[in-house]
Amino acid sequence: MSVVIALAALALLMLAAYRGYSVILFAPIAALLAVLLTDPSAVAPAFTGVFMEKMVGFVKLYFPVFLLGAVFGKLIELSGFSRSIVAAAIRLLGTSQAMLVIVLVCALLTYGGVSLFVVVFAVYPFAAEMFRQSDIPKRLIPATIALGAFSFTMDALPGTPQIQNIIPTTFFNTTAWAAPWLGLIGTLFVFCAGMLFLHRQLRKAKAAGEGYGSNLRNEPETAADIALPNPLLALSPLVLVGVSNLVFTHWIPQFYGKVHTLQLAGMATPVQSEVAKLTGIWAVQAALLLGILLVLVCGFRAIRSKLAEGSRTAVSGALLASMNTASEYGFGAVIASLPGFLVLADALRAIPNPLVNEAVTVTLLAGITGSASGGMSIALAAMAQDFIAAANSAGIPLEVLHRVASMASGGMDTLPHNGAVITLLAVTGLTHREAYKDIFGITVIKTLAVFVVIGTFYATGIV
C-alpha cells in the first residue's frame, strides 16, 4: 500500500502539470496527501521540515542563476543579437537546418559548463527567431532544446562538467572522463535518433499545413526595424559566458581555498562556506554577469528604451521558473522520505544483472523524484556498494558503472513534473498539452540509450 501511495502522489502531480495547473500549488498538495495517507500526524512537520526546507534551500542556491540567466536572455532579445545570429545561420545553412543549429548551440553551451536552466533562457530567443523565419512550429522548440541541453551533453559525452556526470565520481572513484568510448557511442545514438525524431515530427507538421503559429506567448521582443549587429559581435556574449565559466571554475577554488570563513565587523559569528560545493554556482553567476555587461556595452543603443520593461519581464520569468523547480525539489524530498519509496528502492535490488539493475534503479528513482541528480544521488547513496560488489564479481570496470549511472539519471527524469521541463515550457510560453509529447519522444530515446550502451559493453567489452 505504501508503494501505491507514493506512485499515486507522482501520478497526481504529473496529471496536474500536464493539464496546466501550477506546480507551485500542486507539488506540496500531492506530497502532503501522500504523507497524510501514510502518517497523518506527520503532515505539518513534513511540510515545514522537509518540503519547505528543501524548497528554500534550492531557491537560496539557484535563484541568482535563474535571475541572471533570464536577464541575459532578455538582453540578447532586445539587442538584436539573437536575430543577427539567426540571420547568419540561415545564410550559411539554409532554413532546413534550424533544428540542427539550435541543438548544436545548446550542446556547445552545456558542454562548456553552462547550467541547463541558463541555456534555456539564453537559447530561446535564437530558437524562436530561427523557427519563426523557417516557419517551423513553435511547439517543437522545447523538444529541440531538450535534445541539445538535457541529453547527451548532460550525462553521456565524456568530460562534461554537468553535475549528472560528476556525482558518480564520488561513489566509484572515477573521473568525468570515465568510459569514454561508451559515452561517445551513447552520444551518437541520442544525437542521431533525436534528430531523426525531430525531423519526423516536422514532416508530419508540414504535411498537416502547420506553420510557426500565431497568437503565441512569450515571443521575442526585438524591434522589426533594428539595425542588426555583426554576427561575430552577437556571438561574443555566448562565447564569453562559456569561456569565463570554465575559467572561474578553475580559479575560484585556488583563490578561496577549500573553506572560506567570512567575518565582517557587524557579524556575531563567522560564516563558513564549503567552496567546492559552491564553485559551479559562483562561476556561472560571474560568467553571466560578464555576459550581461558585454551585451549592455555593445547593444545599449538598441536596449535602452526597453530596458526597464524588459528587466521586469525577465525577473517575473525567473521567479516563476525558479519557484516551479524549487517546488519540484521539495516534492521529491518528501516522496523520497516515505516508506513506499524505500520499499520500491529495495525491490529493485532483486534485478540480477548489475548494469541493468543500476540503470533501472537510477532512471526509475530519477523519474519519481523528477530530478536526474536527485534520483541518482538517492540510488547511489543507498546501493553503490552493492553495485560495486556485483560489478567486481562480474569483472565489470567501475568506469562502466559510472557511465551507466550517469546516462540512466538522464533517462526518465524528464517526465511532466520535472523542474527543467516546467522551466522550459514556462520560458517558451507553451503548455504541456502543446509541447510535451515531443519532449517525451526525446525522453524515450534518452532512456533507450543507456541500454544500448550496456548492450555494446557486453557485446564488445569496449570501455
Foldseek 3Di string as FASTA:
>chain_A
DLLVLLVVLLVQLLVCQQVPHFLLPSLLVSLLVSVCVFPVVCSVVLVVVFLVVLLVVLCVQCLLVLLLLLLLLLLLLLLQLLVQQLVVCCVVPNLVCLLVVLLQLQQVQQQLQADLSSSLSNSLQNSLNSQQVSFFALLLVLQSSCLNHLFLLQFQAAPGPHVLLVVVCVLLVDDSRFQRVLSVLLNVLLVVLSVVLSVVVRVVCVVVVHTHDPPFPQHRDYDPPDDHDNNVLSCVLSVQLSVQLNVQLVVVCVVQPQKHWDDDPPDPGIDIDRCNVRSNSVSNSVSSVVSSVSSCVVRVVSCVVCVVVSSVVSSVLSVSLSSLQSSLSSSLRSSCPGVSVVVVLVVLLPPQQLLVSLLVQQLVQLLSSLHLSVSLVSNCVVCSVVSVVSCVVVVHRSSLVSSLSSLSSSANSPRSSRSSSSSSCSNSRHGSNSHVVSNVSSNNSSSVSSVVSVVCCVVPVRD
